[in-house]
Amino acid sequence: MAMTSHLPVETAPERDAHAAFPALAVGSAFGAALAFAGVGAVTWNLGGNGIGMVAGAIISLLAGLLALPPATRSGALLLVWNALGIGCALFVIGIFSVGALVAFPLVLLAIALSSWPRRDGESIANVPAIAVQIAGFLLVPALYGLYDGLVADVRRLIGL
């Protein structure tokens, strides 16, 4: 005689509802905020403009805070991607001023993205994530006024 098990079977939506708390991702996002702030302090101390670092710190801090409640984790993931775009642009610009210090926030953001909870087979990268990363990358030159000369050149080219 075969015995049947009366244990409840967990379905996929129930598994997602009981997902583990993303402690490493949250901690890495907060660590990236601290790293951005630290590099910004070094930049300011050396006489530079740390506004990009402040933007990266704020976005990373918001990402860590929004990753705490389960309902806002998708928005937090987009903010981590945005902070990664900011960090990449700051790395390109900052490698000539503060050197490899700019890599610390990037490493922490990479840890946050790689440890982000997701369903089996689900990719961490998608179209909205890539869009906000590009927006973060393009934000940094705007913060430092690098587009001003470009706009003036385009106006001069078209005769305005």
N, C-alpha and C. Protein backbone atom coordinates (compact mmCIF):
# COMPACT_ATOMS: atom_id res chain seq x y z
N MET A 1 0.83 -1.16 0.00
CA MET A 1 0.00 0.00 0.00
C MET A 1 0.89 1.24 0.00
N ALA A 2 0.63 2.13 -0.92
CA ALA A 2 1.42 3.35 -1.04
C ALA A 2 0.89 4.41 -0.10
N MET A 3 1.81 5.07 0.55
CA MET A 3 1.42 6.15 1.47
C MET A 3 1.64 7.48 0.77
N THR A 4 0.72 8.35 0.89
CA THR A 4 0.87 9.67 0.30
C THR A 4 1.31 10.64 1.38
N SER A 5 2.06 11.59 0.96
CA SER A 5 2.55 12.60 1.89
C SER A 5 1.56 13.76 1.93
N HIS A 6 1.28 14.23 3.10
CA HIS A 6 0.36 15.36 3.26
C HIS A 6 1.11 16.64 3.58
N LEU A 7 2.36 16.69 3.18
CA LEU A 7 3.13 17.91 3.39
C LEU A 7 2.75 18.94 2.35
N PRO A 8 2.65 20.20 2.73
CA PRO A 8 2.28 21.21 1.74
C PRO A 8 3.40 21.39 0.72
N VAL A 9 2.99 21.50 -0.52
CA VAL A 9 3.94 21.74 -1.60
C VAL A 9 3.99 23.23 -1.86
N GLU A 10 5.19 23.77 -1.88
CA GLU A 10 5.37 25.21 -2.05
C GLU A 10 5.40 25.53 -3.54
N THR A 11 4.59 26.47 -3.96
CA THR A 11 4.57 26.88 -5.36
C THR A 11 5.54 28.02 -5.58
N ALA A 12 5.77 28.36 -6.85
CA ALA A 12 6.75 29.40 -7.19
C ALA A 12 6.42 30.76 -6.59
N PRO A 13 5.16 31.25 -6.65
CA PRO A 13 4.88 32.56 -6.03
C PRO A 13 5.10 32.56 -4.53
N GLU A 14 4.82 31.42 -3.89
CA GLU A 14 5.06 31.36 -2.44
C GLU A 14 6.54 31.39 -2.13
N ARG A 15 7.34 30.75 -2.98
CA ARG A 15 8.79 30.79 -2.77
C ARG A 15 9.31 32.22 -2.89
N ASP A 16 8.80 32.97 -3.88
CA ASP A 16 9.23 34.36 -4.06
C ASP A 16 8.82 35.22 -2.87
N ALA A 17 7.65 34.92 -2.29
CA ALA A 17 7.17 35.70 -1.14
C ALA A 17 8.03 35.43 0.09
N HIS A 18 8.61 34.24 0.17
CA HIS A 18 9.44 33.88 1.32
C HIS A 18 10.92 33.99 1.01
N ALA A 19 11.27 34.78 0.02
CA ALA A 19 12.68 34.91 -0.36
C ALA A 19 13.48 35.45 0.81
N ALA A 20 14.70 35.02 0.88
CA ALA A 20 15.58 35.45 1.95
C ALA A 20 15.90 36.93 1.83
N PHE A 21 16.16 37.53 2.95
CA PHE A 21 16.52 38.95 2.97
C PHE A 21 17.87 39.13 2.28
N PRO A 22 17.98 40.08 1.34
CA PRO A 22 19.24 40.27 0.60
C PRO A 22 20.27 41.05 1.41
N ALA A 23 20.74 40.47 2.47
CA ALA A 23 21.64 41.18 3.39
C ALA A 23 22.92 41.63 2.71
N LEU A 24 23.52 40.78 1.89
CA LEU A 24 24.77 41.15 1.24
C LEU A 24 24.57 42.28 0.24
N ALA A 25 23.46 42.23 -0.49
CA ALA A 25 23.17 43.30 -1.46
C ALA A 25 22.92 44.63 -0.75
N VAL A 26 22.17 44.59 0.34
CA VAL A 26 21.88 45.82 1.09
C VAL A 26 23.18 46.37 1.72
N GLY A 27 23.94 45.49 2.32
CA GLY A 27 25.21 45.92 2.92
C GLY A 27 26.18 46.48 1.90
N SER A 28 26.21 45.88 0.72
CA SER A 28 27.10 46.38 -0.34
C SER A 28 26.63 47.73 -0.86
N ALA A 29 25.32 47.93 -0.95
CA ALA A 29 24.80 49.23 -1.40
C ALA A 29 25.15 50.32 -0.38
N PHE A 30 25.00 50.02 0.91
CA PHE A 30 25.38 50.99 1.94
C PHE A 30 26.90 51.21 1.93
N GLY A 31 27.65 50.15 1.72
CA GLY A 31 29.11 50.28 1.63
C GLY A 31 29.52 51.13 0.45
N ALA A 32 28.81 50.98 -0.68
CA ALA A 32 29.11 51.81 -1.86
C ALA A 32 28.81 53.28 -1.57
N ALA A 33 27.74 53.54 -0.81
CA ALA A 33 27.43 54.92 -0.44
C ALA A 33 28.55 55.51 0.41
N LEU A 34 29.06 54.72 1.35
CA LEU A 34 30.18 55.20 2.17
C LEU A 34 31.44 55.38 1.34
N ALA A 35 31.67 54.47 0.40
CA ALA A 35 32.85 54.59 -0.46
C ALA A 35 32.77 55.82 -1.35
N PHE A 36 31.59 56.07 -1.93
CA PHE A 36 31.40 57.29 -2.73
C PHE A 36 31.67 58.53 -1.87
N ALA A 37 31.13 58.54 -0.66
CA ALA A 37 31.32 59.69 0.23
C ALA A 37 32.79 59.85 0.60
N GLY A 38 33.48 58.75 0.85
CA GLY A 38 34.90 58.82 1.19
C GLY A 38 35.74 59.34 0.04
N VAL A 39 35.48 58.86 -1.16
CA VAL A 39 36.23 59.35 -2.32
C VAL A 39 35.88 60.81 -2.59
N GLY A 40 34.63 61.18 -2.35
CA GLY A 40 34.25 62.59 -2.49
C GLY A 40 34.98 63.47 -1.50
N ALA A 41 35.17 62.97 -0.27
CA ALA A 41 35.92 63.74 0.73
C ALA A 41 37.38 63.89 0.31
N VAL A 42 37.95 62.83 -0.22
CA VAL A 42 39.34 62.91 -0.70
C VAL A 42 39.44 63.89 -1.86
N THR A 43 38.48 63.82 -2.78
CA THR A 43 38.47 64.73 -3.92
C THR A 43 38.37 66.18 -3.46
N TRP A 44 37.47 66.44 -2.53
CA TRP A 44 37.30 67.80 -2.00
C TRP A 44 38.56 68.26 -1.29
N ASN A 45 39.19 67.36 -0.52
CA ASN A 45 40.42 67.69 0.20
C ASN A 45 41.56 68.02 -0.76
N LEU A 46 41.56 67.40 -1.93
CA LEU A 46 42.60 67.67 -2.92
C LEU A 46 42.27 68.90 -3.77
N GLY A 47 41.15 69.54 -3.50
CA GLY A 47 40.78 70.76 -4.22
C GLY A 47 39.88 70.52 -5.40
N GLY A 48 39.35 69.32 -5.55
CA GLY A 48 38.48 69.02 -6.67
C GLY A 48 37.01 69.20 -6.33
N ASN A 49 36.18 68.92 -7.31
CA ASN A 49 34.74 69.03 -7.16
C ASN A 49 34.18 67.62 -6.96
N GLY A 50 33.58 67.36 -5.84
CA GLY A 50 33.08 66.04 -5.52
C GLY A 50 31.59 65.87 -5.72
N ILE A 51 30.96 66.68 -6.56
CA ILE A 51 29.51 66.62 -6.73
C ILE A 51 29.06 65.28 -7.32
N GLY A 52 29.85 64.69 -8.19
CA GLY A 52 29.51 63.38 -8.74
C GLY A 52 29.54 62.31 -7.68
N MET A 53 30.51 62.41 -6.77
CA MET A 53 30.59 61.44 -5.67
C MET A 53 29.40 61.57 -4.73
N VAL A 54 28.96 62.80 -4.52
CA VAL A 54 27.77 63.02 -3.68
C VAL A 54 26.54 62.38 -4.33
N ALA A 55 26.41 62.56 -5.64
CA ALA A 55 25.29 61.95 -6.35
C ALA A 55 25.34 60.43 -6.24
N GLY A 56 26.51 59.85 -6.41
CA GLY A 56 26.65 58.40 -6.27
C GLY A 56 26.34 57.92 -4.87
N ALA A 57 26.76 58.70 -3.86
CA ALA A 57 26.48 58.33 -2.47
C ALA A 57 24.98 58.37 -2.18
N ILE A 58 24.31 59.39 -2.67
CA ILE A 58 22.86 59.52 -2.43
C ILE A 58 22.10 58.39 -3.11
N ILE A 59 22.43 58.10 -4.36
CA ILE A 59 21.73 57.04 -5.09
C ILE A 59 21.99 55.68 -4.44
N SER A 60 23.23 55.42 -4.03
CA SER A 60 23.54 54.13 -3.38
C SER A 60 22.84 54.00 -2.04
N LEU A 61 22.79 55.10 -1.28
CA LEU A 61 22.09 55.08 0.00
C LEU A 61 20.60 54.81 -0.19
N LEU A 62 20.00 55.48 -1.18
CA LEU A 62 18.58 55.23 -1.47
C LEU A 62 18.34 53.79 -1.92
N ALA A 63 19.26 53.25 -2.70
CA ALA A 63 19.13 51.86 -3.14
C ALA A 63 19.16 50.91 -1.94
N GLY A 64 20.06 51.16 -1.01
CA GLY A 64 20.12 50.32 0.18
C GLY A 64 18.87 50.42 1.03
N LEU A 65 18.35 51.63 1.16
CA LEU A 65 17.13 51.82 1.95
C LEU A 65 15.91 51.18 1.29
N LEU A 66 15.82 51.32 -0.03
CA LEU A 66 14.67 50.75 -0.73
C LEU A 66 14.76 49.23 -0.85
N ALA A 67 15.93 48.66 -0.66
CA ALA A 67 16.07 47.21 -0.72
C ALA A 67 15.61 46.54 0.57
N LEU A 68 15.39 47.31 1.61
CA LEU A 68 14.97 46.73 2.88
C LEU A 68 13.56 46.14 2.81
N PRO A 69 12.53 46.90 2.41
CA PRO A 69 11.19 46.28 2.30
C PRO A 69 11.06 45.53 0.97
N PRO A 70 10.43 44.37 0.97
CA PRO A 70 10.31 43.58 -0.26
C PRO A 70 9.54 44.28 -1.39
N ALA A 71 8.62 45.16 -1.05
CA ALA A 71 7.79 45.80 -2.08
C ALA A 71 8.58 46.77 -2.95
N THR A 72 9.68 47.32 -2.46
CA THR A 72 10.43 48.32 -3.22
C THR A 72 11.76 47.81 -3.75
N ARG A 73 11.96 46.51 -3.74
CA ARG A 73 13.26 45.97 -4.17
C ARG A 73 13.51 46.12 -5.67
N SER A 74 12.46 46.13 -6.48
CA SER A 74 12.70 46.31 -7.92
C SER A 74 13.18 47.73 -8.21
N GLY A 75 12.64 48.71 -7.51
CA GLY A 75 13.14 50.09 -7.65
C GLY A 75 14.55 50.23 -7.11
N ALA A 76 14.84 49.52 -6.04
CA ALA A 76 16.19 49.56 -5.49
C ALA A 76 17.20 48.97 -6.46
N LEU A 77 16.81 47.92 -7.16
CA LEU A 77 17.70 47.32 -8.15
C LEU A 77 18.02 48.30 -9.27
N LEU A 78 17.01 49.05 -9.71
CA LEU A 78 17.26 50.07 -10.73
C LEU A 78 18.19 51.16 -10.21
N LEU A 79 18.05 51.52 -8.94
CA LEU A 79 18.96 52.52 -8.37
C LEU A 79 20.39 52.00 -8.27
N VAL A 80 20.56 50.72 -8.00
CA VAL A 80 21.91 50.16 -7.99
C VAL A 80 22.51 50.23 -9.39
N TRP A 81 21.71 49.92 -10.41
CA TRP A 81 22.20 50.05 -11.78
C TRP A 81 22.56 51.51 -12.10
N ASN A 82 21.73 52.45 -11.63
CA ASN A 82 22.01 53.86 -11.85
C ASN A 82 23.30 54.27 -11.16
N ALA A 83 23.49 53.82 -9.94
CA ALA A 83 24.73 54.12 -9.22
C ALA A 83 25.93 53.50 -9.91
N LEU A 84 25.75 52.34 -10.53
CA LEU A 84 26.83 51.73 -11.29
C LEU A 84 27.21 52.59 -12.49
N GLY A 85 26.22 53.15 -13.17
CA GLY A 85 26.50 54.06 -14.28
C GLY A 85 27.25 55.31 -13.81
N ILE A 86 26.82 55.86 -12.68
CA ILE A 86 27.50 57.02 -12.11
C ILE A 86 28.94 56.64 -11.75
N GLY A 87 29.10 55.47 -11.13
CA GLY A 87 30.43 55.03 -10.75
C GLY A 87 31.36 54.80 -11.93
N CYS A 88 30.81 54.25 -13.01
CA CYS A 88 31.63 54.03 -14.22
C CYS A 88 32.10 55.35 -14.81
N ALA A 89 31.20 56.32 -14.88
CA ALA A 89 31.59 57.63 -15.41
C ALA A 89 32.61 58.31 -14.50
N LEU A 90 32.41 58.20 -13.20
CA LEU A 90 33.37 58.80 -12.28
C LEU A 90 34.72 58.09 -12.35
N PHE A 91 34.71 56.80 -12.63
CA PHE A 91 35.96 56.08 -12.79
C PHE A 91 36.71 56.59 -14.02
N VAL A 92 35.98 56.81 -15.11
CA VAL A 92 36.61 57.33 -16.33
C VAL A 92 37.20 58.72 -16.08
N ILE A 93 36.44 59.56 -15.39
CA ILE A 93 36.91 60.93 -15.12
C ILE A 93 37.92 60.95 -13.98
N GLY A 94 37.66 60.19 -12.92
CA GLY A 94 38.47 60.29 -11.71
C GLY A 94 39.76 59.52 -11.70
N ILE A 95 39.97 58.63 -12.65
CA ILE A 95 41.20 57.85 -12.66
C ILE A 95 42.42 58.77 -12.80
N PHE A 96 42.23 59.95 -13.39
CA PHE A 96 43.34 60.87 -13.58
C PHE A 96 43.53 61.82 -12.40
N SER A 97 42.58 61.84 -11.45
CA SER A 97 42.72 62.76 -10.33
C SER A 97 42.93 62.02 -9.00
N VAL A 98 42.01 61.14 -8.64
CA VAL A 98 42.15 60.43 -7.37
C VAL A 98 42.57 58.99 -7.57
N GLY A 99 42.80 58.60 -8.79
CA GLY A 99 43.33 57.27 -9.08
C GLY A 99 42.34 56.15 -8.82
N ALA A 100 42.86 55.06 -8.30
CA ALA A 100 42.08 53.84 -8.15
C ALA A 100 41.07 53.90 -7.01
N LEU A 101 41.04 54.98 -6.24
CA LEU A 101 40.03 55.09 -5.18
C LEU A 101 38.62 54.99 -5.73
N VAL A 102 38.43 55.41 -6.96
CA VAL A 102 37.10 55.41 -7.56
C VAL A 102 36.63 53.98 -7.83
N ALA A 103 37.52 53.01 -7.80
CA ALA A 103 37.14 51.63 -8.07
C ALA A 103 36.42 50.99 -6.88
N PHE A 104 36.62 51.49 -5.67
CA PHE A 104 35.99 50.88 -4.50
C PHE A 104 34.47 50.88 -4.58
N PRO A 105 33.82 52.01 -4.91
CA PRO A 105 32.36 51.95 -5.04
C PRO A 105 31.91 50.99 -6.15
N LEU A 106 32.68 50.91 -7.24
CA LEU A 106 32.32 50.01 -8.33
C LEU A 106 32.34 48.55 -7.89
N VAL A 107 33.34 48.19 -7.11
CA VAL A 107 33.43 46.81 -6.63
C VAL A 107 32.25 46.50 -5.71
N LEU A 108 31.91 47.41 -4.83
CA LEU A 108 30.79 47.18 -3.92
C LEU A 108 29.46 47.11 -4.66
N LEU A 109 29.31 47.93 -5.68
CA LEU A 109 28.08 47.86 -6.48
C LEU A 109 28.01 46.55 -7.27
N ALA A 110 29.15 46.08 -7.74
CA ALA A 110 29.17 44.79 -8.44
C ALA A 110 28.79 43.65 -7.48
N ILE A 111 29.25 43.73 -6.25
CA ILE A 111 28.86 42.72 -5.25
C ILE A 111 27.35 42.80 -4.99
N ALA A 112 26.82 44.01 -4.89
CA ALA A 112 25.38 44.17 -4.66
C ALA A 112 24.58 43.57 -5.81
N LEU A 113 25.00 43.82 -7.04
CA LEU A 113 24.27 43.27 -8.18
C LEU A 113 24.39 41.76 -8.27
N SER A 114 25.57 41.24 -7.99
CA SER A 114 25.75 39.79 -8.12
C SER A 114 25.05 39.02 -7.00
N SER A 115 24.80 39.65 -5.87
CA SER A 115 24.13 38.96 -4.78
C SER A 115 22.65 39.30 -4.69
N TRP A 116 22.12 40.02 -5.67
CA TRP A 116 20.71 40.42 -5.65
C TRP A 116 19.84 39.18 -5.84
N PRO A 117 18.81 39.01 -5.00
CA PRO A 117 17.96 37.82 -5.14
C PRO A 117 17.12 37.89 -6.41
N ARG A 118 17.06 36.76 -7.11
CA ARG A 118 16.25 36.67 -8.33
C ARG A 118 15.81 35.22 -8.52
N ARG A 119 14.79 35.04 -9.34
CA ARG A 119 14.28 33.70 -9.62
C ARG A 119 15.29 32.93 -10.48
N ASP A 120 15.19 31.62 -10.46
CA ASP A 120 16.06 30.79 -11.27
C ASP A 120 15.88 31.12 -12.74
N GLY A 121 16.98 31.32 -13.43
CA GLY A 121 16.94 31.61 -14.86
C GLY A 121 16.67 33.06 -15.20
N GLU A 122 16.35 33.89 -14.21
CA GLU A 122 16.07 35.30 -14.47
C GLU A 122 17.38 36.08 -14.55
N SER A 123 17.50 36.90 -15.56
CA SER A 123 18.70 37.71 -15.73
C SER A 123 18.61 38.97 -14.87
N ILE A 124 19.74 39.38 -14.37
CA ILE A 124 19.77 40.59 -13.56
C ILE A 124 19.75 41.84 -14.46
N ALA A 125 20.17 41.69 -15.70
CA ALA A 125 20.20 42.81 -16.65
C ALA A 125 18.98 42.75 -17.54
N ASN A 126 18.33 43.89 -17.72
CA ASN A 126 17.20 44.01 -18.62
C ASN A 126 17.22 45.41 -19.22
N VAL A 127 16.28 45.70 -20.08
CA VAL A 127 16.27 46.99 -20.79
C VAL A 127 16.17 48.18 -19.82
N PRO A 128 15.26 48.17 -18.84
CA PRO A 128 15.24 49.31 -17.91
C PRO A 128 16.54 49.47 -17.12
N ALA A 129 17.17 48.35 -16.75
CA ALA A 129 18.43 48.43 -16.01
C ALA A 129 19.52 49.08 -16.85
N ILE A 130 19.62 48.69 -18.11
CA ILE A 130 20.63 49.27 -19.00
C ILE A 130 20.32 50.75 -19.24
N ALA A 131 19.05 51.10 -19.37
CA ALA A 131 18.67 52.50 -19.59
C ALA A 131 19.06 53.38 -18.41
N VAL A 132 18.80 52.92 -17.19
CA VAL A 132 19.15 53.76 -16.03
C VAL A 132 20.66 53.78 -15.80
N GLN A 133 21.36 52.73 -16.22
CA GLN A 133 22.82 52.76 -16.11
C GLN A 133 23.39 53.79 -17.08
N ILE A 134 22.88 53.83 -18.29
CA ILE A 134 23.34 54.83 -19.27
C ILE A 134 22.98 56.23 -18.79
N ALA A 135 21.79 56.39 -18.21
CA ALA A 135 21.40 57.70 -17.67
C ALA A 135 22.33 58.13 -16.55
N GLY A 136 22.71 57.21 -15.68
CA GLY A 136 23.66 57.54 -14.62
C GLY A 136 25.02 57.93 -15.18
N PHE A 137 25.45 57.23 -16.23
CA PHE A 137 26.72 57.54 -16.86
C PHE A 137 26.69 58.94 -17.48
N LEU A 138 25.58 59.29 -18.13
CA LEU A 138 25.45 60.59 -18.79
C LEU A 138 25.19 61.72 -17.80
N LEU A 139 24.75 61.39 -16.59
CA LEU A 139 24.51 62.41 -15.57
C LEU A 139 25.80 63.06 -15.10
N VAL A 140 26.85 62.29 -14.99
CA VAL A 140 28.11 62.80 -14.43
C VAL A 140 28.70 63.92 -15.28
N PRO A 141 28.83 63.77 -16.60
CA PRO A 141 29.33 64.92 -17.37
C PRO A 141 28.44 66.15 -17.25
N ALA A 142 27.13 65.94 -17.09
CA ALA A 142 26.23 67.08 -16.91
C ALA A 142 26.49 67.77 -15.57
N LEU A 143 26.78 66.99 -14.52
CA LEU A 143 27.06 67.59 -13.22
C LEU A 143 28.34 68.42 -13.23
N TYR A 144 29.29 68.00 -14.02
CA TYR A 144 30.56 68.72 -14.10
C TYR A 144 30.59 69.76 -15.21
N GLY A 145 29.48 69.95 -15.91
CA GLY A 145 29.38 70.99 -16.92
C GLY A 145 30.12 70.67 -18.21
N LEU A 146 30.34 69.42 -18.50
CA LEU A 146 31.08 69.05 -19.70
C LEU A 146 30.25 69.18 -20.97
N TYR A 147 28.93 69.26 -20.82
CA TYR A 147 28.08 69.42 -22.00
C TYR A 147 27.96 70.88 -22.43
N ASP A 148 28.37 71.82 -21.59
CA ASP A 148 28.24 73.24 -21.93
C ASP A 148 29.01 73.59 -23.19
N GLY A 149 30.25 73.13 -23.28
CA GLY A 149 31.06 73.39 -24.47
C GLY A 149 30.49 72.70 -25.69
N LEU A 150 29.93 71.51 -25.52
CA LEU A 150 29.32 70.78 -26.63
C LEU A 150 28.10 71.53 -27.16
N VAL A 151 27.27 72.03 -26.25
CA VAL A 151 26.08 72.78 -26.67
C VAL A 151 26.49 74.07 -27.40
N ALA A 152 27.51 74.75 -26.90
CA ALA A 152 27.99 75.97 -27.55
C ALA A 152 28.53 75.65 -28.96
N ASP A 153 29.24 74.57 -29.10
CA ASP A 153 29.78 74.18 -30.40
C ASP A 153 28.66 73.83 -31.38
N VAL A 154 27.64 73.14 -30.91
CA VAL A 154 26.51 72.79 -31.79
C VAL A 154 25.76 74.05 -32.20
N ARG A 155 25.57 74.98 -31.28
CA ARG A 155 24.91 76.26 -31.63
C ARG A 155 25.72 77.03 -32.66
N ARG A 156 27.02 77.05 -32.49
CA ARG A 156 27.88 77.76 -33.43
C ARG A 156 27.85 77.05 -34.79
N LEU A 157 27.77 75.74 -34.79
CA LEU A 157 27.74 74.97 -36.03
C LEU A 157 26.47 75.21 -36.81
N ILE A 158 25.34 75.31 -36.14
CA ILE A 158 24.08 75.50 -36.86
C ILE A 158 23.73 76.98 -37.04
N GLY A 159 24.57 77.87 -36.50
CA GLY A 159 24.39 79.29 -36.75
C GLY A 159 23.47 80.02 -35.79
N LEU A 160 23.30 79.53 -34.58
CA LEU A 160 22.44 80.22 -33.61
C LEU A 160 23.23 81.17 -32.77
